[in-house]
């Protein structure tokens, strides 16, 4: 696997970890401080989740394009 593919996989997993971590933190704040204070914390996992899916879609498109150029598909 090439360096760019490994980096893409790493960044995809990084954003997934950030999404999970911020979601756990947001849920903790919601349960301890209530919905009024903790509800705004859900913004962070939403952004991180969007970045995860953006990276995943982009990685798949780039890998498919590379495979077509190499004649694998």
N, C-alpha and C. Protein backbone atom coordinates (compact mmCIF):
# COMPACT_ATOMS: atom_id res chain seq x y z
N UNK A 1 0.86 -1.17 0.00
CA UNK A 1 0.00 0.00 0.00
C UNK A 1 0.90 1.23 0.00
N UNK A 2 0.56 2.20 -0.84
CA UNK A 2 1.37 3.39 -0.97
C UNK A 2 1.26 4.31 0.23
N UNK A 3 2.17 5.27 0.26
CA UNK A 3 2.21 6.21 1.37
C UNK A 3 0.94 7.05 1.45
N UNK A 4 0.45 7.50 0.30
CA UNK A 4 -0.77 8.31 0.32
C UNK A 4 -1.98 7.51 0.76
N UNK A 5 -2.04 6.25 0.38
CA UNK A 5 -3.16 5.41 0.83
C UNK A 5 -3.11 5.19 2.34
N UNK A 6 -1.92 4.96 2.86
CA UNK A 6 -1.78 4.78 4.31
C UNK A 6 -2.17 6.06 5.05
N UNK A 7 -1.75 7.19 4.51
CA UNK A 7 -2.09 8.47 5.14
C UNK A 7 -3.60 8.70 5.09
N UNK A 8 -4.23 8.36 3.98
CA UNK A 8 -5.68 8.51 3.87
C UNK A 8 -6.41 7.63 4.87
N UNK A 9 -5.94 6.39 5.02
CA UNK A 9 -6.55 5.48 6.00
C UNK A 9 -6.35 6.02 7.42
N UNK A 10 -5.15 6.52 7.70
CA UNK A 10 -4.87 7.06 9.03
C UNK A 10 -5.79 8.25 9.33
N UNK A 11 -5.92 9.17 8.38
CA UNK A 11 -6.75 10.35 8.61
C UNK A 11 -8.22 9.97 8.75
N UNK A 12 -8.64 8.96 8.01
CA UNK A 12 -10.02 8.49 8.14
C UNK A 12 -10.27 7.95 9.54
N UNK A 13 -9.35 7.14 10.04
CA UNK A 13 -9.49 6.59 11.39
C UNK A 13 -9.33 7.68 12.46
N UNK A 14 -8.48 8.66 12.19
CA UNK A 14 -8.31 9.78 13.11
C UNK A 14 -9.64 10.51 13.31
N UNK A 15 -10.32 10.83 12.20
CA UNK A 15 -11.59 11.55 12.32
C UNK A 15 -12.66 10.70 12.95
N UNK A 16 -12.62 9.39 12.74
CA UNK A 16 -13.57 8.51 13.41
C UNK A 16 -13.34 8.53 14.92
N UNK A 17 -12.07 8.50 15.33
CA UNK A 17 -11.74 8.55 16.76
C UNK A 17 -12.16 9.89 17.37
N UNK A 18 -11.93 10.98 16.64
CA UNK A 18 -12.35 12.30 17.13
C UNK A 18 -13.87 12.35 17.27
N UNK A 19 -14.57 11.78 16.30
CA UNK A 19 -16.04 11.74 16.36
C UNK A 19 -16.52 10.99 17.59
N UNK A 20 -15.96 9.82 17.82
CA UNK A 20 -16.38 9.01 18.97
C UNK A 20 -16.02 9.71 20.28
N UNK A 21 -14.82 10.25 20.35
CA UNK A 21 -14.39 10.93 21.57
C UNK A 21 -15.24 12.14 21.91
N UNK A 22 -15.51 12.97 20.91
CA UNK A 22 -16.33 14.15 21.17
C UNK A 22 -17.79 13.79 21.44
N UNK A 23 -18.27 12.70 20.84
CA UNK A 23 -19.63 12.26 21.12
C UNK A 23 -19.76 11.78 22.57
N UNK A 24 -18.76 11.04 23.03
CA UNK A 24 -18.77 10.58 24.43
C UNK A 24 -18.72 11.79 25.37
N UNK A 25 -17.86 12.75 25.06
CA UNK A 25 -17.77 13.95 25.89
C UNK A 25 -19.09 14.73 25.88
N UNK A 26 -19.70 14.85 24.72
CA UNK A 26 -20.97 15.57 24.62
C UNK A 26 -22.07 14.87 25.42
N UNK A 27 -22.13 13.56 25.31
CA UNK A 27 -23.14 12.81 26.07
C UNK A 27 -22.90 12.94 27.57
N UNK A 28 -21.64 12.94 27.96
CA UNK A 28 -21.31 13.11 29.38
C UNK A 28 -21.80 14.47 29.89
N UNK A 29 -21.54 15.52 29.13
CA UNK A 29 -21.98 16.85 29.53
C UNK A 29 -23.50 16.94 29.55
N UNK A 30 -24.16 16.31 28.59
CA UNK A 30 -25.63 16.33 28.56
C UNK A 30 -26.19 15.64 29.80
N UNK A 31 -25.62 14.50 30.17
CA UNK A 31 -26.14 13.77 31.33
C UNK A 31 -25.79 14.44 32.65
N UNK A 32 -24.65 15.11 32.73
CA UNK A 32 -24.27 15.73 34.00
C UNK A 32 -24.83 17.14 34.16
N UNK A 33 -24.85 17.94 33.08
CA UNK A 33 -25.27 19.34 33.19
C UNK A 33 -26.62 19.63 32.58
N UNK A 34 -27.19 18.68 31.87
CA UNK A 34 -28.50 18.90 31.26
C UNK A 34 -28.41 19.27 29.80
N UNK A 35 -29.58 19.18 29.16
CA UNK A 35 -29.65 19.39 27.71
C UNK A 35 -29.35 20.84 27.31
N UNK A 36 -29.75 21.80 28.14
CA UNK A 36 -29.57 23.21 27.78
C UNK A 36 -28.10 23.56 27.62
N UNK A 37 -27.27 23.06 28.49
CA UNK A 37 -25.83 23.34 28.42
C UNK A 37 -25.13 22.36 27.48
N UNK A 38 -25.48 21.08 27.59
CA UNK A 38 -24.78 20.05 26.83
C UNK A 38 -25.19 19.90 25.39
N UNK A 39 -26.36 20.43 25.03
CA UNK A 39 -26.84 20.28 23.66
C UNK A 39 -25.92 20.90 22.63
N UNK A 40 -25.30 22.02 22.99
CA UNK A 40 -24.41 22.68 22.05
C UNK A 40 -23.13 21.88 21.82
N UNK A 41 -22.81 20.97 22.70
CA UNK A 41 -21.63 20.13 22.54
C UNK A 41 -21.78 19.13 21.39
N UNK A 42 -23.00 18.88 20.95
CA UNK A 42 -23.22 17.95 19.85
C UNK A 42 -22.76 18.51 18.51
N UNK A 43 -22.46 19.79 18.48
CA UNK A 43 -21.94 20.42 17.26
C UNK A 43 -20.59 19.81 16.88
N UNK A 44 -19.73 19.58 17.86
CA UNK A 44 -18.38 19.05 17.58
C UNK A 44 -18.39 17.65 16.98
N UNK A 45 -19.13 16.68 17.54
CA UNK A 45 -19.16 15.37 16.89
C UNK A 45 -19.82 15.43 15.51
N UNK A 46 -20.73 16.37 15.31
CA UNK A 46 -21.34 16.51 13.99
C UNK A 46 -20.32 16.94 12.94
N UNK A 47 -19.50 17.92 13.29
CA UNK A 47 -18.45 18.38 12.37
C UNK A 47 -17.41 17.28 12.14
N UNK A 48 -16.99 16.62 13.22
CA UNK A 48 -15.99 15.55 13.09
C UNK A 48 -16.54 14.39 12.27
N UNK A 49 -17.81 14.06 12.47
CA UNK A 49 -18.43 12.99 11.68
C UNK A 49 -18.51 13.35 10.21
N UNK A 50 -18.82 14.61 9.93
CA UNK A 50 -18.84 15.06 8.54
C UNK A 50 -17.46 14.96 7.92
N UNK A 51 -16.42 15.31 8.67
CA UNK A 51 -15.05 15.18 8.16
C UNK A 51 -14.70 13.72 7.90
N UNK A 52 -15.14 12.82 8.79
CA UNK A 52 -14.89 11.40 8.59
C UNK A 52 -15.50 10.92 7.28
N UNK A 53 -16.77 11.24 7.07
CA UNK A 53 -17.43 10.78 5.85
C UNK A 53 -16.86 11.46 4.60
N UNK A 54 -16.46 12.72 4.71
CA UNK A 54 -15.82 13.39 3.59
C UNK A 54 -14.50 12.71 3.23
N UNK A 55 -13.70 12.38 4.25
CA UNK A 55 -12.42 11.70 4.00
C UNK A 55 -12.65 10.32 3.40
N UNK A 56 -13.65 9.59 3.89
CA UNK A 56 -13.95 8.25 3.39
C UNK A 56 -14.36 8.30 1.92
N UNK A 57 -15.26 9.20 1.58
CA UNK A 57 -15.72 9.31 0.19
C UNK A 57 -14.57 9.72 -0.71
N UNK A 58 -13.77 10.69 -0.26
CA UNK A 58 -12.64 11.15 -1.06
C UNK A 58 -11.62 10.04 -1.25
N UNK A 59 -11.32 9.29 -0.19
CA UNK A 59 -10.35 8.20 -0.30
C UNK A 59 -10.81 7.15 -1.29
N UNK A 60 -12.07 6.77 -1.22
CA UNK A 60 -12.59 5.75 -2.13
C UNK A 60 -12.53 6.22 -3.58
N UNK A 61 -12.86 7.48 -3.81
CA UNK A 61 -12.79 8.01 -5.18
C UNK A 61 -11.36 8.03 -5.69
N UNK A 62 -10.43 8.47 -4.85
CA UNK A 62 -9.03 8.53 -5.28
C UNK A 62 -8.46 7.14 -5.52
N UNK A 63 -8.80 6.18 -4.67
CA UNK A 63 -8.33 4.81 -4.87
C UNK A 63 -8.90 4.21 -6.14
N UNK A 64 -10.17 4.47 -6.42
CA UNK A 64 -10.77 3.96 -7.66
C UNK A 64 -10.11 4.59 -8.87
N UNK A 65 -9.80 5.88 -8.79
CA UNK A 65 -9.14 6.56 -9.90
C UNK A 65 -7.74 6.00 -10.11
N UNK A 66 -6.99 5.77 -9.03
CA UNK A 66 -5.66 5.18 -9.15
C UNK A 66 -5.72 3.79 -9.74
N UNK A 67 -6.67 2.99 -9.30
CA UNK A 67 -6.81 1.62 -9.81
C UNK A 67 -7.15 1.62 -11.29
N UNK A 68 -7.99 2.54 -11.73
CA UNK A 68 -8.32 2.63 -13.16
C UNK A 68 -7.10 3.02 -13.97
N UNK A 69 -6.28 3.94 -13.43
CA UNK A 69 -5.08 4.37 -14.14
C UNK A 69 -4.07 3.24 -14.25
N UNK A 70 -4.02 2.38 -13.26
CA UNK A 70 -3.09 1.26 -13.27
C UNK A 70 -3.63 0.07 -14.05
N UNK A 71 -4.89 0.13 -14.44
CA UNK A 71 -5.49 -0.94 -15.22
C UNK A 71 -5.99 -2.11 -14.41
N UNK A 72 -6.24 -1.90 -13.12
CA UNK A 72 -6.71 -2.99 -12.26
C UNK A 72 -8.22 -3.18 -12.36
N UNK A 73 -8.94 -2.13 -12.68
CA UNK A 73 -10.41 -2.24 -12.67
C UNK A 73 -10.90 -2.74 -13.95
